[in-house]
Amino acid sequence: MAVNLSFAACGFLGIYQLGVVGALQQHGRSLLGRLHACGGASAGSLVATVLLTAPHKLESCKDFTYRFADSVRKQALGAVTPGYDFMQELRDGINEILPQDAHLRAEGRLHVSITHSKTRRNHIVTSFSSREELIQALLASSFVPFYAGLNPVKFQGQTWIDGGFTDSLPIMPGGRTITVSPFSGPLDICPTHTGRSPLMLRLANMSVHFSRQNIVRLNQALFPPTESRMRALGQEGYEDAVNFLKKERWTSSTS
């Protein structure tokens, strides 16, 4: 059976998902060997893209995430500080990490969730005519109005905003889709927190526990915590992924 991976929209908590990718690279060779497609929304789409097109750039991607978060923290009003160009910083990071043939590696395998700025309908992009078109799709999937700027991202002649508004955790057709999220809930790879409420929140196709921990993390997605906390989140993602691999009997090693 084919295996897919879907990474949730989560802003700066994408560092948790990069930790997951690190664990899969070190201990999940059998899973990655059966990987058919990867998808995601917002930060999740960026993580999925790195896994498919630049897996050797994982550490560079983590370093960029720390730098980007530090840049936002230094602004008086965070990302919404007048004169701060959030989207340009993101574009520069994507451009630095993606290989020249990224669009070819992503073709048909990468599923990027975006939202039409006028109809508010979701669209999943799976085909990319060029590296620039791939970058535009990723920027569109990551654009939160007012937080990241005022003008929606143009992609294929239309304007789009964050895919997390309409489908924050896309499920791919065919095979099993393994879901990854830094928010605890009924997901495959996610935190397991004690004392969680039985109540659930529905966040654009993703269900999470209604808990204090998740509320704190929703805030941290847009307003990044300290670098030490982000590194801890990355390690948490790594450990949660290892536990999942053990439970599913997919554990292997690159050593």
Protein backbone atom coordinates (compact mmCIF):
# COMPACT_ATOMS: atom_id res chain seq x y z
CA MET A 1 0.00 0.00 0.00
CA ALA A 2 1.25 3.46 -0.92
CA VAL A 3 2.01 5.85 1.91
CA ASN A 4 1.47 9.62 1.90
CA LEU A 5 2.49 12.27 4.42
CA SER A 6 0.45 15.37 5.21
CA PHE A 7 1.87 18.24 7.26
CA ALA A 8 -0.53 20.61 9.01
CA ALA A 9 -0.66 24.38 8.71
CA CYS A 10 1.16 25.64 11.81
CA GLY A 11 3.25 28.75 11.14
CA PHE A 12 6.50 28.84 13.06
CA LEU A 13 5.64 25.52 14.71
CA GLY A 14 6.79 24.00 11.44
CA ILE A 15 10.00 23.43 13.41
CA TYR A 16 8.16 20.54 15.11
CA GLN A 17 7.47 19.02 11.70
CA LEU A 18 11.09 19.45 10.64
CA GLY A 19 11.97 17.41 13.72
CA VAL A 20 9.56 14.75 12.47
CA VAL A 21 11.29 14.73 9.08
CA GLY A 22 14.65 14.28 10.80
CA ALA A 23 13.36 11.21 12.62
CA LEU A 24 11.93 9.76 9.41
CA GLN A 25 15.26 10.23 7.65
CA GLN A 26 17.21 8.52 10.44
CA HIS A 27 14.78 5.81 11.51
CA GLY A 28 12.02 5.54 8.90
CA ARG A 29 13.72 4.36 5.73
CA SER A 30 11.09 1.67 5.20
CA LEU A 31 8.32 4.26 5.38
CA LEU A 32 10.08 6.74 3.10
CA GLY A 33 10.79 3.92 0.66
CA ARG A 34 7.04 3.53 0.17
CA LEU A 35 6.31 7.25 0.11
CA HIS A 36 4.06 8.19 -2.79
CA ALA A 37 3.14 11.83 -2.11
CA CYS A 38 3.49 14.62 0.43
CA GLY A 39 1.14 17.49 1.07
CA GLY A 40 0.44 20.32 3.40
CA ALA A 41 -0.84 23.83 3.97
CA SER A 42 1.13 26.94 4.87
CA ALA A 43 4.25 25.90 6.83
CA GLY A 44 3.23 22.28 6.29
CA SER A 45 3.51 22.73 2.53
CA LEU A 46 7.04 24.06 2.99
CA VAL A 47 8.04 21.04 5.08
CA ALA A 48 6.52 18.67 2.52
CA THR A 49 8.46 20.43 -0.24
CA VAL A 50 11.75 20.12 1.60
CA LEU A 51 11.20 16.41 2.19
CA LEU A 52 10.47 15.76 -1.50
CA THR A 53 12.89 18.12 -3.20
CA ALA A 54 15.72 18.98 -0.79
CA PRO A 55 15.95 16.35 1.96
CA HIS A 56 19.68 17.03 2.29
CA LYS A 57 18.85 20.65 3.20
CA LEU A 58 16.97 19.78 6.40
CA GLU A 59 19.50 21.44 8.71
CA SER A 60 19.62 24.53 6.48
CA CYS A 61 15.84 24.69 6.66
CA LYS A 62 15.94 24.54 10.47
CA ASP A 63 18.57 27.30 10.57
CA PHE A 64 16.43 29.49 8.32
CA THR A 65 13.40 28.90 10.56
CA TYR A 66 15.35 30.04 13.63
CA ARG A 67 16.61 33.14 11.79
CA PHE A 68 13.18 33.97 10.42
CA ALA A 69 11.58 33.62 13.87
CA ASP A 70 14.29 35.79 15.40
CA SER A 71 13.69 38.44 12.74
CA VAL A 72 9.96 38.51 13.58
CA ARG A 73 10.59 38.61 17.33
CA LYS A 74 12.85 41.66 16.90
CA GLN A 75 10.08 43.69 15.27
CA ALA A 76 8.17 46.02 17.59
CA LEU A 77 4.82 44.58 16.47
CA GLY A 78 6.03 41.25 15.14
CA ALA A 79 5.20 40.43 11.52
CA VAL A 80 2.66 43.27 11.28
CA THR A 81 5.26 45.97 12.05
CA PRO A 82 5.00 48.70 9.36
CA GLY A 83 7.85 48.38 6.86
CA TYR A 84 8.61 44.75 7.68
CA ASP A 85 8.29 42.51 4.61
CA PHE A 86 7.34 39.10 5.96
CA MET A 87 6.72 37.58 2.53
CA GLN A 88 10.05 38.74 1.12
CA GLU A 89 11.90 37.10 4.02
CA LEU A 90 9.98 33.90 3.37
CA ARG A 91 10.68 34.04 -0.37
CA ASP A 92 14.40 34.55 0.28
CA GLY A 93 14.46 31.49 2.53
CA ILE A 94 12.60 29.30 0.05
CA ASN A 95 14.85 30.46 -2.78
CA GLU A 96 17.93 29.65 -0.70
CA ILE A 97 16.82 26.10 0.07
CA LEU A 98 15.09 24.74 -3.05
CA PRO A 99 17.26 23.17 -5.77
CA GLN A 100 16.95 24.41 -9.35
CA ASP A 101 14.95 21.34 -10.38
CA ALA A 102 12.63 21.45 -7.36
CA HIS A 103 9.53 21.76 -9.57
CA LEU A 104 10.47 18.60 -11.44
CA ARG A 105 10.98 16.66 -8.22
CA ALA A 106 7.66 17.97 -6.87
CA GLU A 107 5.61 17.33 -10.00
CA GLY A 108 2.64 15.07 -9.24
CA ARG A 109 3.97 14.19 -5.78
CA LEU A 110 3.58 17.47 -3.89
CA HIS A 111 0.09 18.60 -2.88
CA VAL A 112 -0.07 22.28 -1.85
CA SER A 113 -3.27 23.58 -0.25
CA ILE A 114 -4.24 27.16 -1.21
CA THR A 115 -7.40 29.25 -0.77
CA HIS A 116 -8.91 31.50 -3.44
CA SER A 117 -8.93 35.06 -2.10
CA LYS A 118 -12.40 35.89 -3.48
CA THR A 119 -14.41 32.66 -3.47
CA ARG A 120 -12.70 31.26 -0.35
CA ARG A 121 -12.63 27.87 -2.04
CA ASN A 122 -9.79 25.44 -1.54
CA HIS A 123 -7.54 24.25 -4.32
CA ILE A 124 -4.82 21.60 -4.19
CA VAL A 125 -1.90 22.30 -6.53
CA THR A 126 0.02 19.25 -7.76
CA SER A 127 1.61 20.48 -11.01
CA PHE A 128 4.32 23.12 -11.35
CA SER A 129 5.54 24.40 -14.71
CA SER A 130 8.66 26.01 -13.26
CA ARG A 131 10.62 26.54 -10.07
CA GLU A 132 9.16 30.04 -9.81
CA GLU A 133 5.62 28.67 -10.09
CA LEU A 134 6.36 26.24 -7.27
CA ILE A 135 7.66 29.12 -5.13
CA GLN A 136 4.53 31.17 -5.89
CA ALA A 137 2.30 28.26 -4.84
CA LEU A 138 4.19 27.92 -1.56
CA LEU A 139 3.97 31.67 -0.89
CA ALA A 140 0.25 31.61 -1.64
CA SER A 141 -0.26 28.72 0.77
CA SER A 142 1.54 30.70 3.48
CA PHE A 143 -0.11 34.12 3.06
CA VAL A 144 -2.19 35.17 6.09
CA PRO A 145 -3.96 38.45 5.22
CA PHE A 146 -2.93 41.49 7.32
CA TYR A 147 -0.39 39.38 9.25
CA ALA A 148 1.85 38.74 6.23
CA GLY A 149 0.75 41.73 4.15
CA LEU A 150 -2.24 43.32 2.43
CA ASN A 151 -2.08 41.93 -1.10
CA PRO A 152 -2.87 38.24 -1.75
CA VAL A 153 -0.32 36.25 -3.70
CA LYS A 154 -0.78 35.95 -7.46
CA PHE A 155 -0.59 32.41 -8.79
CA GLN A 156 -1.62 31.30 -12.28
CA GLY A 157 -3.39 34.60 -12.93
CA GLN A 158 -5.51 34.61 -9.77
CA THR A 159 -5.01 35.69 -6.16
CA TRP A 160 -4.70 33.28 -3.27
CA ILE A 161 -4.28 33.17 0.51
CA ASP A 162 -3.22 30.63 3.15
CA GLY A 163 -4.41 27.10 2.44
CA GLY A 164 -4.88 26.61 6.18
CA PHE A 165 -8.11 28.59 6.02
CA THR A 166 -9.89 25.92 3.99
CA ASP A 167 -7.88 22.69 4.23
CA SER A 168 -5.12 22.74 6.82
CA LEU A 169 -4.31 19.02 6.55
CA PRO A 170 -4.97 17.67 3.04
CA ILE A 171 -5.63 13.95 2.66
CA MET A 172 -4.23 12.54 -0.56
CA PRO A 173 -6.14 10.12 -2.78
CA GLY A 174 -4.92 6.55 -2.82
CA GLY A 175 -3.12 4.70 -0.06
CA ARG A 176 -2.77 5.83 3.54
CA THR A 177 -2.13 9.45 4.48
CA ILE A 178 -0.09 9.81 7.68
CA THR A 179 -0.99 13.10 9.35
CA VAL A 180 1.59 15.25 11.16
CA SER A 181 0.77 18.19 13.42
CA PRO A 182 2.31 20.07 16.37
CA PHE A 183 -1.19 20.23 17.90
CA SER A 184 -2.43 17.27 19.93
CA GLY A 185 -5.46 15.48 18.56
CA PRO A 186 -6.61 12.34 16.72
CA LEU A 187 -3.61 12.46 14.38
CA ASP A 188 -0.85 10.00 13.52
CA ILE A 189 2.20 12.01 14.62
CA CYS A 190 1.44 14.72 17.17
CA PRO A 191 2.08 15.57 20.83
CA THR A 192 0.38 13.46 23.49
CA HIS A 193 -0.48 15.72 26.41
CA THR A 194 -2.01 14.60 29.68
CA GLY A 195 -5.07 16.32 31.08
CA ARG A 196 -6.50 17.13 27.67
CA SER A 197 -10.18 17.95 27.31
CA PRO A 198 -12.51 15.53 25.47
CA LEU A 199 -13.76 18.57 23.56
CA MET A 200 -12.41 19.03 20.05
CA LEU A 201 -11.68 22.03 17.86
CA ARG A 202 -12.17 21.77 14.11
CA LEU A 203 -9.58 23.80 12.24
CA ALA A 204 -10.29 23.59 8.49
CA ASN A 205 -10.41 19.78 8.20
CA MET A 206 -8.06 19.19 11.15
CA SER A 207 -9.44 18.14 14.54
CA VAL A 208 -7.40 19.00 17.64
CA HIS A 209 -8.03 18.78 21.37
CA PHE A 210 -9.50 21.85 23.04
CA SER A 211 -6.69 22.31 25.54
CA ARG A 212 -4.59 25.04 27.07
CA GLN A 213 -1.49 23.58 25.41
CA ASN A 214 -3.05 23.77 21.95
CA ILE A 215 -4.28 27.33 22.52
CA VAL A 216 -0.75 28.36 23.53
CA ARG A 217 0.63 26.70 20.40
CA LEU A 218 -1.90 28.39 18.14
CA ASN A 219 -0.52 31.69 19.41
CA GLN A 220 3.08 30.55 18.96
CA ALA A 221 2.36 29.65 15.33
CA LEU A 222 2.16 33.37 14.50
CA PHE A 223 4.22 34.80 17.35
CA PRO A 224 7.27 32.54 17.60
CA PRO A 225 8.62 31.56 21.03
CA THR A 226 12.29 31.79 21.98
CA GLU A 227 14.87 29.86 19.98
CA SER A 228 15.47 27.50 22.90
CA ARG A 229 11.75 26.71 22.99
CA MET A 230 11.69 26.19 19.23
CA ARG A 231 14.61 23.78 19.46
CA ALA A 232 12.70 21.88 22.15
CA LEU A 233 9.68 21.71 19.86
CA GLY A 234 11.87 20.28 17.10
CA GLN A 235 13.15 17.61 19.47
CA GLU A 236 9.59 16.85 20.53
CA GLY A 237 8.63 16.30 16.90
CA TYR A 238 11.61 13.98 16.47
CA GLU A 239 10.64 11.91 19.51
CA ASP A 240 6.95 11.75 18.59
CA ALA A 241 7.90 10.48 15.12
CA VAL A 242 10.21 7.82 16.57
CA ASN A 243 7.41 6.64 18.86
CA PHE A 244 5.06 6.45 15.87
CA LEU A 245 7.57 4.42 13.85
CA LYS A 246 8.02 1.99 16.73
CA LYS A 247 4.28 1.61 17.22
CA GLU A 248 3.76 0.99 13.50
CA ARG A 249 6.81 -1.29 13.30
CA TRP A 250 8.44 0.90 10.69
CA THR A 251 11.60 1.56 12.65
CA SER A 252 14.86 1.33 10.73
CA SER A 253 18.22 3.06 10.92
CA THR A 254 20.57 4.83 8.54
CA SER A 255 23.60 3.76 10.53
